[in-house]
Amino acid sequence: MSRIYHNQPLANLPVDSVSVKTTWDSVLECTKQGPGVILEGVIKGKARYCVTDKDNKKVRYYIFQVQTQRAHRRKFDSSGKEIEPNFSETTKISKGYLNSSYKTEAKGSTDKLTDQELSALVSRSELTSLGKKHGLPGCVTLWVEEAQLDKMELDTDDSVRVKTRGNSPFVLSIGKVENESATVSNYAGGEAVGASWTDKIMTIKSAASETTPQDSEIADDEWDD
């Protein structure tokens, strides 16, 4: 059974009008820096902004204050295709055909981010000053284009999965997570978040459980914690 989503909880927000002393295109230059991040968290605050730049160009955004539960750097291969981040510094190797014993081996540096590292990557001083009156302690501020959420239903205390555009607070894709099933039921932007995260991870795990090599690798997937 399909469900119709709307942005009524967002559209009811009052609009804050602010201005910047530069062009909005120059503000967006930060989206081209670094690989960006993927994160899961809970919306704790929201606001609606109309920004006017020095050329009188107007752009409209929603600003979400997200209490982050987990975050990793986005990762890409040599061809530029996005790949699964390294969720853990170690991996378990099963010993024997009955998977009765394991050994732990180094897997390399994890792509997991601390709260401080995440904040440093997605914070921009010029944007922080614009939205400071809506800031909340312990939350990161994320900017989403108003048109991007035209058919989205997001409210305070909703769980979301987010990809950012480069190392910036601007959102490339956002999906609402149904906590009972940990699947994305409501989504906007980029590739399908559920397919690229949850479904892919579970497919890898399923395939691993069907193999019986003498030494097989079992990843410590921190998204399951």
C-alpha atoms as a PDB file:
ATOM      1  CA  MET A   1       0.000   0.000   0.000  1.00  0.00           C
ATOM      2  CA  SER A   2       1.499   3.317  -1.067  1.00  0.00           C
ATOM      3  CA  ARG A   3       1.446   6.429   1.066  1.00  0.00           C
ATOM      4  CA  ILE A   4       1.221  10.046  -0.039  1.00  0.00           C
ATOM      5  CA  TYR A   5       3.754  12.326   1.633  1.00  0.00           C
ATOM      6  CA  HIS A   6       3.539  16.099   1.852  1.00  0.00           C
ATOM      7  CA  ASN A   7       5.605  18.873   3.368  1.00  0.00           C
ATOM      8  CA  GLN A   8       2.857  20.371   5.533  1.00  0.00           C
ATOM      9  CA  PRO A   9       4.922  20.229   8.776  1.00  0.00           C
ATOM     10  CA  LEU A  10       7.623  22.209   6.957  1.00  0.00           C
ATOM     11  CA  ALA A  11       5.413  24.574   4.995  1.00  0.00           C
ATOM     12  CA  ASN A  12       3.836  25.799   8.228  1.00  0.00           C
ATOM     13  CA  LEU A  13       7.187  27.160   9.451  1.00  0.00           C
ATOM     14  CA  PRO A  14       7.635  30.940   9.449  1.00  0.00           C
ATOM     15  CA  VAL A  15      10.186  32.231   6.937  1.00  0.00           C
ATOM     16  CA  ASP A  16      13.282  34.054   8.210  1.00  0.00           C
ATOM     17  CA  SER A  17      14.614  36.554   5.646  1.00  0.00           C
ATOM     18  CA  VAL A  18      18.381  37.043   5.754  1.00  0.00           C
ATOM     19  CA  SER A  19      21.039  38.407   3.410  1.00  0.00           C
ATOM     20  CA  VAL A  20      24.644  37.654   2.531  1.00  0.00           C
ATOM     21  CA  LYS A  21      27.255  40.127   1.321  1.00  0.00           C
ATOM     22  CA  THR A  22      28.541  37.824  -1.415  1.00  0.00           C
ATOM     23  CA  THR A  23      26.988  35.749  -4.206  1.00  0.00           C
ATOM     24  CA  TRP A  24      25.209  32.537  -3.293  1.00  0.00           C
ATOM     25  CA  ASP A  25      27.268  30.695  -5.915  1.00  0.00           C
ATOM     26  CA  SER A  26      30.415  31.607  -3.992  1.00  0.00           C
ATOM     27  CA  VAL A  27      28.812  30.259  -0.803  1.00  0.00           C
ATOM     28  CA  LEU A  28      28.153  26.964  -2.599  1.00  0.00           C
ATOM     29  CA  GLU A  29      31.840  26.593  -3.489  1.00  0.00           C
ATOM     30  CA  CYS A  30      32.279  24.664  -0.236  1.00  0.00           C
ATOM     31  CA  THR A  31      30.227  21.801  -1.709  1.00  0.00           C
ATOM     32  CA  LYS A  32      33.140  21.046  -4.046  1.00  0.00           C
ATOM     33  CA  GLN A  33      35.585  20.473  -1.195  1.00  0.00           C
ATOM     34  CA  GLY A  34      36.199  16.957   0.134  1.00  0.00           C
ATOM     35  CA  PRO A  35      34.150  13.766  -0.227  1.00  0.00           C
ATOM     36  CA  GLY A  36      31.358  14.721   2.162  1.00  0.00           C
ATOM     37  CA  VAL A  37      29.775  12.645   4.912  1.00  0.00           C
ATOM     38  CA  ILE A  38      26.931  10.206   5.456  1.00  0.00           C
ATOM     39  CA  LEU A  39      25.149  10.312   8.789  1.00  0.00           C
ATOM     40  CA  GLU A  40      22.178   9.069  10.738  1.00  0.00           C
ATOM     41  CA  GLY A  41      20.499  11.191  13.364  1.00  0.00           C
ATOM     42  CA  VAL A  42      17.320  12.685  14.767  1.00  0.00           C
ATOM     43  CA  ILE A  43      15.814  16.044  13.810  1.00  0.00           C
ATOM     44  CA  LYS A  44      15.667  18.209  16.935  1.00  0.00           C
ATOM     45  CA  GLY A  45      14.915  21.573  15.358  1.00  0.00           C
ATOM     46  CA  LYS A  46      13.931  23.080  12.027  1.00  0.00           C
ATOM     47  CA  ALA A  47      13.632  26.486  10.409  1.00  0.00           C
ATOM     48  CA  ARG A  48      12.829  27.998   7.038  1.00  0.00           C
ATOM     49  CA  TYR A  49      15.028  30.627   5.387  1.00  0.00           C
ATOM     50  CA  CYS A  50      14.885  32.948   2.411  1.00  0.00           C
ATOM     51  CA  VAL A  51      18.410  34.159   1.634  1.00  0.00           C
ATOM     52  CA  THR A  52      19.140  37.161  -0.584  1.00  0.00           C
ATOM     53  CA  ASP A  53      22.666  37.558  -1.963  1.00  0.00           C
ATOM     54  CA  LYS A  54      24.485  40.709  -3.111  1.00  0.00           C
ATOM     55  CA  ASP A  55      23.056  40.334  -6.662  1.00  0.00           C
ATOM     56  CA  ASN A  56      19.518  40.208  -5.211  1.00  0.00           C
ATOM     57  CA  LYS A  57      19.248  36.502  -6.002  1.00  0.00           C
ATOM     58  CA  LYS A  58      16.875  34.764  -3.604  1.00  0.00           C
ATOM     59  CA  VAL A  59      17.186  31.129  -2.507  1.00  0.00           C
ATOM     60  CA  ARG A  60      14.977  29.224  -0.092  1.00  0.00           C
ATOM     61  CA  TYR A  61      16.188  26.555   2.319  1.00  0.00           C
ATOM     62  CA  TYR A  62      15.071  24.488   5.257  1.00  0.00           C
ATOM     63  CA  ILE A  63      17.570  24.257   8.100  1.00  0.00           C
ATOM     64  CA  PHE A  64      17.567  21.146  10.256  1.00  0.00           C
ATOM     65  CA  GLN A  65      19.260  20.756  13.617  1.00  0.00           C
ATOM     66  CA  VAL A  66      20.242  17.072  13.682  1.00  0.00           C
ATOM     67  CA  GLN A  67      21.436  15.184  16.748  1.00  0.00           C
ATOM     68  CA  THR A  68      23.876  12.761  15.156  1.00  0.00           C
ATOM     69  CA  GLN A  69      23.931   9.088  16.132  1.00  0.00           C
ATOM     70  CA  ARG A  70      26.647   7.962  13.718  1.00  0.00           C
ATOM     71  CA  ALA A  71      28.613   9.520  10.880  1.00  0.00           C
ATOM     72  CA  HIS A  72      31.244   8.418   8.342  1.00  0.00           C
ATOM     73  CA  ARG A  73      33.159  10.037   5.535  1.00  0.00           C
ATOM     74  CA  ARG A  74      31.811   9.285   2.077  1.00  0.00           C
ATOM     75  CA  LYS A  75      34.257   7.153   0.117  1.00  0.00           C
ATOM     76  CA  PHE A  76      34.934   6.847  -3.626  1.00  0.00           C
ATOM     77  CA  ASP A  77      37.034   4.521  -5.764  1.00  0.00           C
ATOM     78  CA  SER A  78      39.606   5.647  -8.361  1.00  0.00           C
ATOM     79  CA  SER A  79      36.887   6.033 -11.015  1.00  0.00           C
ATOM     80  CA  GLY A  80      34.832   8.317  -8.801  1.00  0.00           C
ATOM     81  CA  LYS A  81      32.142   5.759  -7.974  1.00  0.00           C
ATOM     82  CA  GLU A  82      30.913   5.905  -4.391  1.00  0.00           C
ATOM     83  CA  ILE A  83      31.737   2.826  -2.336  1.00  0.00           C
ATOM     84  CA  GLU A  84      30.922   1.622   1.164  1.00  0.00           C
ATOM     85  CA  PRO A  85      32.986   3.353   3.867  1.00  0.00           C
ATOM     86  CA  ASN A  86      35.214   1.404   6.229  1.00  0.00           C
ATOM     87  CA  PHE A  87      32.879   1.081   9.199  1.00  0.00           C
ATOM     88  CA  SER A  88      35.451  -0.460  11.564  1.00  0.00           C
ATOM     89  CA  GLU A  89      39.202  -0.523  12.172  1.00  0.00           C
ATOM     90  CA  THR A  90      39.137  -4.310  12.625  1.00  0.00           C
ATOM     91  CA  THR A  91      37.452  -7.321  11.076  1.00  0.00           C
ATOM     92  CA  LYS A  92      36.767 -10.832  12.356  1.00  0.00           C
ATOM     93  CA  ILE A  93      38.106 -13.831  10.428  1.00  0.00           C
ATOM     94  CA  SER A  94      36.327 -17.140  10.997  1.00  0.00           C
ATOM     95  CA  LYS A  95      38.552 -20.185  11.476  1.00  0.00           C
ATOM     96  CA  GLY A  96      37.381 -23.532  10.144  1.00  0.00           C
ATOM     97  CA  TYR A  97      34.304 -24.681   8.254  1.00  0.00           C
ATOM     98  CA  LEU A  98      31.961 -24.637  11.264  1.00  0.00           C
ATOM     99  CA  ASN A  99      32.625 -20.971  12.081  1.00  0.00           C
ATOM    100  CA  SER A 100      33.382 -22.079  15.608  1.00  0.00           C
ATOM    101  CA  SER A 101      36.283 -19.701  16.250  1.00  0.00           C
ATOM    102  CA  TYR A 102      37.475 -16.313  15.098  1.00  0.00           C
ATOM    103  CA  LYS A 103      40.511 -14.106  15.024  1.00  0.00           C
ATOM    104  CA  THR A 104      40.563 -10.320  14.802  1.00  0.00           C
ATOM    105  CA  GLU A 105      42.733  -8.609  12.220  1.00  0.00           C
ATOM    106  CA  ALA A 106      43.434  -4.982  11.368  1.00  0.00           C
ATOM    107  CA  LYS A 107      41.282  -3.609   8.565  1.00  0.00           C
ATOM    108  CA  GLY A 108      42.768  -0.138   8.280  1.00  0.00           C
ATOM    109  CA  SER A 109      41.665   3.262   9.508  1.00  0.00           C
ATOM    110  CA  THR A 110      37.928   3.603   9.981  1.00  0.00           C
ATOM    111  CA  ASP A 111      36.000   6.319   8.158  1.00  0.00           C
ATOM    112  CA  LYS A 112      33.901   6.934  11.278  1.00  0.00           C
ATOM    113  CA  LEU A 113      33.746  10.525  12.466  1.00  0.00           C
ATOM    114  CA  THR A 114      33.621  11.855  15.999  1.00  0.00           C
ATOM    115  CA  ASP A 115      31.126  14.624  16.774  1.00  0.00           C
ATOM    116  CA  GLN A 116      33.968  17.146  16.722  1.00  0.00           C
ATOM    117  CA  GLU A 117      35.280  15.926  13.355  1.00  0.00           C
ATOM    118  CA  LEU A 118      31.792  15.973  11.853  1.00  0.00           C
ATOM    119  CA  SER A 119      31.139  19.501  13.075  1.00  0.00           C
ATOM    120  CA  ALA A 120      34.444  20.714  11.635  1.00  0.00           C
ATOM    121  CA  LEU A 121      33.625  19.206   8.220  1.00  0.00           C
ATOM    122  CA  VAL A 122      30.071  20.497   7.819  1.00  0.00           C
ATOM    123  CA  SER A 123      30.281  23.873   9.570  1.00  0.00           C
ATOM    124  CA  ARG A 124      30.803  27.097   7.611  1.00  0.00           C
ATOM    125  CA  SER A 125      31.172  30.352   9.523  1.00  0.00           C
ATOM    126  CA  GLU A 126      29.084  32.438   7.106  1.00  0.00           C
ATOM    127  CA  LEU A 127      26.205  29.954   7.334  1.00  0.00           C
ATOM    128  CA  THR A 128      26.547  29.448  11.076  1.00  0.00           C
ATOM    129  CA  SER A 129      26.075  33.172  11.609  1.00  0.00           C
ATOM    130  CA  LEU A 130      22.931  33.164   9.462  1.00  0.00           C
ATOM    131  CA  GLY A 131      21.247  30.347  11.337  1.00  0.00           C
ATOM    132  CA  LYS A 132      22.666  30.862  14.822  1.00  0.00           C
ATOM    133  CA  LYS A 133      19.337  31.798  16.406  1.00  0.00           C
ATOM    134  CA  HIS A 134      18.014  28.329  15.566  1.00  0.00           C
ATOM    135  CA  GLY A 135      21.148  26.455  16.665  1.00  0.00           C
ATOM    136  CA  LEU A 136      20.877  23.743  19.310  1.00  0.00           C
ATOM    137  CA  PRO A 137      23.654  22.331  21.540  1.00  0.00           C
ATOM    138  CA  GLY A 138      24.842  18.900  20.459  1.00  0.00           C
ATOM    139  CA  CYS A 139      23.367  19.209  16.966  1.00  0.00           C
ATOM    140  CA  VAL A 140      24.800  19.818  13.496  1.00  0.00           C
ATOM    141  CA  THR A 141      23.099  22.321  11.202  1.00  0.00           C
ATOM    142  CA  LEU A 142      22.145  21.021   7.747  1.00  0.00           C
ATOM    143  CA  TRP A 143      20.778  23.068   4.841  1.00  0.00           C
ATOM    144  CA  VAL A 144      18.262  21.528   2.408  1.00  0.00           C
ATOM    145  CA  GLU A 145      16.846  23.303  -0.644  1.00  0.00           C
ATOM    146  CA  GLU A 146      13.133  23.961  -0.220  1.00  0.00           C
ATOM    147  CA  ALA A 147      12.298  22.438  -3.616  1.00  0.00           C
ATOM    148  CA  GLN A 148      14.129  19.254  -2.614  1.00  0.00           C
ATOM    149  CA  LEU A 149      11.551  18.601   0.103  1.00  0.00           C
ATOM    150  CA  ASP A 150       8.467  19.421  -1.946  1.00  0.00           C
ATOM    151  CA  LYS A 151       7.019  15.923  -1.377  1.00  0.00           C
ATOM    152  CA  MET A 152       8.711  15.098   1.915  1.00  0.00           C
ATOM    153  CA  GLU A 153       7.162  14.681   5.339  1.00  0.00           C
ATOM    154  CA  LEU A 154       9.717  15.480   8.035  1.00  0.00           C
ATOM    155  CA  ASP A 155       9.072  16.614  11.571  1.00  0.00           C
ATOM    156  CA  THR A 156      10.858  17.049  14.896  1.00  0.00           C
ATOM    157  CA  ASP A 157      12.096  13.748  16.371  1.00  0.00           C
ATOM    158  CA  ASP A 158      12.070  11.998  12.976  1.00  0.00           C
ATOM    159  CA  SER A 159      15.105   9.799  12.305  1.00  0.00           C
ATOM    160  CA  VAL A 160      16.917  10.569   9.048  1.00  0.00           C
ATOM    161  CA  ARG A 161      19.801   9.401   6.899  1.00  0.00           C
ATOM    162  CA  VAL A 162      21.734  12.118   5.106  1.00  0.00           C
ATOM    163  CA  LYS A 163      24.480  12.528   2.528  1.00  0.00           C
ATOM    164  CA  THR A 164      26.114  15.943   2.264  1.00  0.00           C
ATOM    165  CA  ARG A 165      27.357  17.695  -0.856  1.00  0.00           C
ATOM    166  CA  GLY A 166      31.101  17.662  -0.237  1.00  0.00           C
ATOM    167  CA  ASN A 167      32.403  18.770   3.146  1.00  0.00           C
ATOM    168  CA  SER A 168      29.571  21.210   3.670  1.00  0.00           C
ATOM    169  CA  PRO A 169      26.266  21.575   5.508  1.00  0.00           C
ATOM    170  CA  PHE A 170      24.336  21.339   2.219  1.00  0.00           C
ATOM    171  CA  VAL A 171      22.331  18.125   1.819  1.00  0.00           C
ATOM    172  CA  LEU A 172      22.627  16.000  -1.314  1.00  0.00           C
ATOM    173  CA  SER A 173      20.070  13.404  -0.203  1.00  0.00           C
ATOM    174  CA  ILE A 174      17.898  12.830   2.846  1.00  0.00           C
ATOM    175  CA  GLY A 175      15.642   9.961   3.837  1.00  0.00           C
ATOM    176  CA  LYS A 176      13.263   9.392   6.714  1.00  0.00           C
ATOM    177  CA  VAL A 177      14.009   6.181   8.635  1.00  0.00           C
ATOM    178  CA  GLU A 178      11.264   3.975   9.994  1.00  0.00           C
ATOM    179  CA  ASN A 179      12.789   2.910  13.299  1.00  0.00           C
ATOM    180  CA  GLU A 180      10.847  -0.348  13.483  1.00  0.00           C
ATOM    181  CA  SER A 181      12.439  -1.694  10.305  1.00  0.00           C
ATOM    182  CA  ALA A 182      15.478   0.612   9.912  1.00  0.00           C
ATOM    183  CA  THR A 183      14.450   1.192   6.291  1.00  0.00           C
ATOM    184  CA  VAL A 184      14.047   4.469   4.440  1.00  0.00           C
ATOM    185  CA  SER A 185      10.371   5.158   3.732  1.00  0.00           C
ATOM    186  CA  ASN A 186      10.541   8.761   2.550  1.00  0.00           C
ATOM    187  CA  TYR A 187      13.422  10.046   0.489  1.00  0.00           C
ATOM    188  CA  ALA A 188      14.667  12.960  -1.611  1.00  0.00           C
ATOM    189  CA  GLY A 189      17.780  13.592  -3.705  1.00  0.00           C
ATOM    190  CA  GLY A 190      20.684  11.600  -5.157  1.00  0.00           C
ATOM    191  CA  GLU A 191      20.641   7.804  -5.250  1.00  0.00           C
ATOM    192  CA  ALA A 192      18.176   5.855  -3.111  1.00  0.00           C
ATOM    193  CA  VAL A 193      19.599   5.945   0.389  1.00  0.00           C
ATOM    194  CA  GLY A 194      18.057   2.638   1.401  1.00  0.00           C
ATOM    195  CA  ALA A 195      19.533   0.852  -1.604  1.00  0.00           C
ATOM    196  CA  SER A 196      23.006   2.279  -1.182  1.00  0.00           C
ATOM    197  CA  TRP A 197      23.279   1.724   2.573  1.00  0.00           C
ATOM    198  CA  THR A 198      20.944  -0.719   4.307  1.00  0.00           C
ATOM    199  CA  ASP A 199      20.147  -3.003   1.351  1.00  0.00           C
ATOM    200  CA  LYS A 200      23.735  -3.167   0.160  1.00  0.00           C
ATOM    201  CA  ILE A 201      25.096  -3.938   3.610  1.00  0.00           C
ATOM    202  CA  MET A 202      22.515  -6.658   4.245  1.00  0.00           C
ATOM    203  CA  THR A 203      23.208  -8.210   0.823  1.00  0.00           C
ATOM    204  CA  ILE A 204      26.915  -8.386   1.624  1.00  0.00           C
ATOM    205  CA  LYS A 205      26.190  -9.981   4.985  1.00  0.00           C
ATOM    206  CA  SER A 206      23.828 -12.539   3.438  1.00  0.00           C
ATOM    207  CA  ALA A 207      26.398 -13.538   0.838  1.00  0.00           C
ATOM    208  CA  ALA A 208      29.087 -13.864   3.491  1.00  0.00           C
ATOM    209  CA  SER A 209      26.934 -16.218   5.575  1.00  0.00           C
ATOM    210  CA  GLU A 210      26.494 -18.600   2.625  1.00  0.00           C
ATOM    211  CA  THR A 211      30.231 -19.038   2.037  1.00  0.00           C
ATOM    212  CA  THR A 212      32.305 -21.579   3.964  1.00  0.00           C
ATOM    213  CA  PRO A 213      35.976 -20.938   3.220  1.00  0.00           C
ATOM    214  CA  GLN A 214      38.470 -22.022   5.829  1.00  0.00           C
ATOM    215  CA  ASP A 215      39.245 -18.395   6.641  1.00  0.00           C
ATOM    216  CA  SER A 216      36.311 -16.095   5.830  1.00  0.00           C
ATOM    217  CA  GLU A 217      35.986 -12.437   6.764  1.00  0.00           C
ATOM    218  CA  ILE A 218      33.120 -11.115   8.883  1.00  0.00           C
ATOM    219  CA  ALA A 219      32.932  -7.342   9.001  1.00  0.00           C
ATOM    220  CA  ASP A 220      32.192  -5.466  12.209  1.00  0.00           C
ATOM    221  CA  ASP A 221      29.412  -3.310  10.790  1.00  0.00           C
ATOM    222  CA  GLU A 222      28.991  -0.410  13.177  1.00  0.00           C
ATOM    223  CA  TRP A 223      25.671   0.626  11.593  1.00  0.00           C
ATOM    224  CA  ASP A 224      24.135  -2.372  13.402  1.00  0.00           C
ATOM    225  CA  ASP A 225      25.140  -1.158  16.862  1.00  0.00           C
END
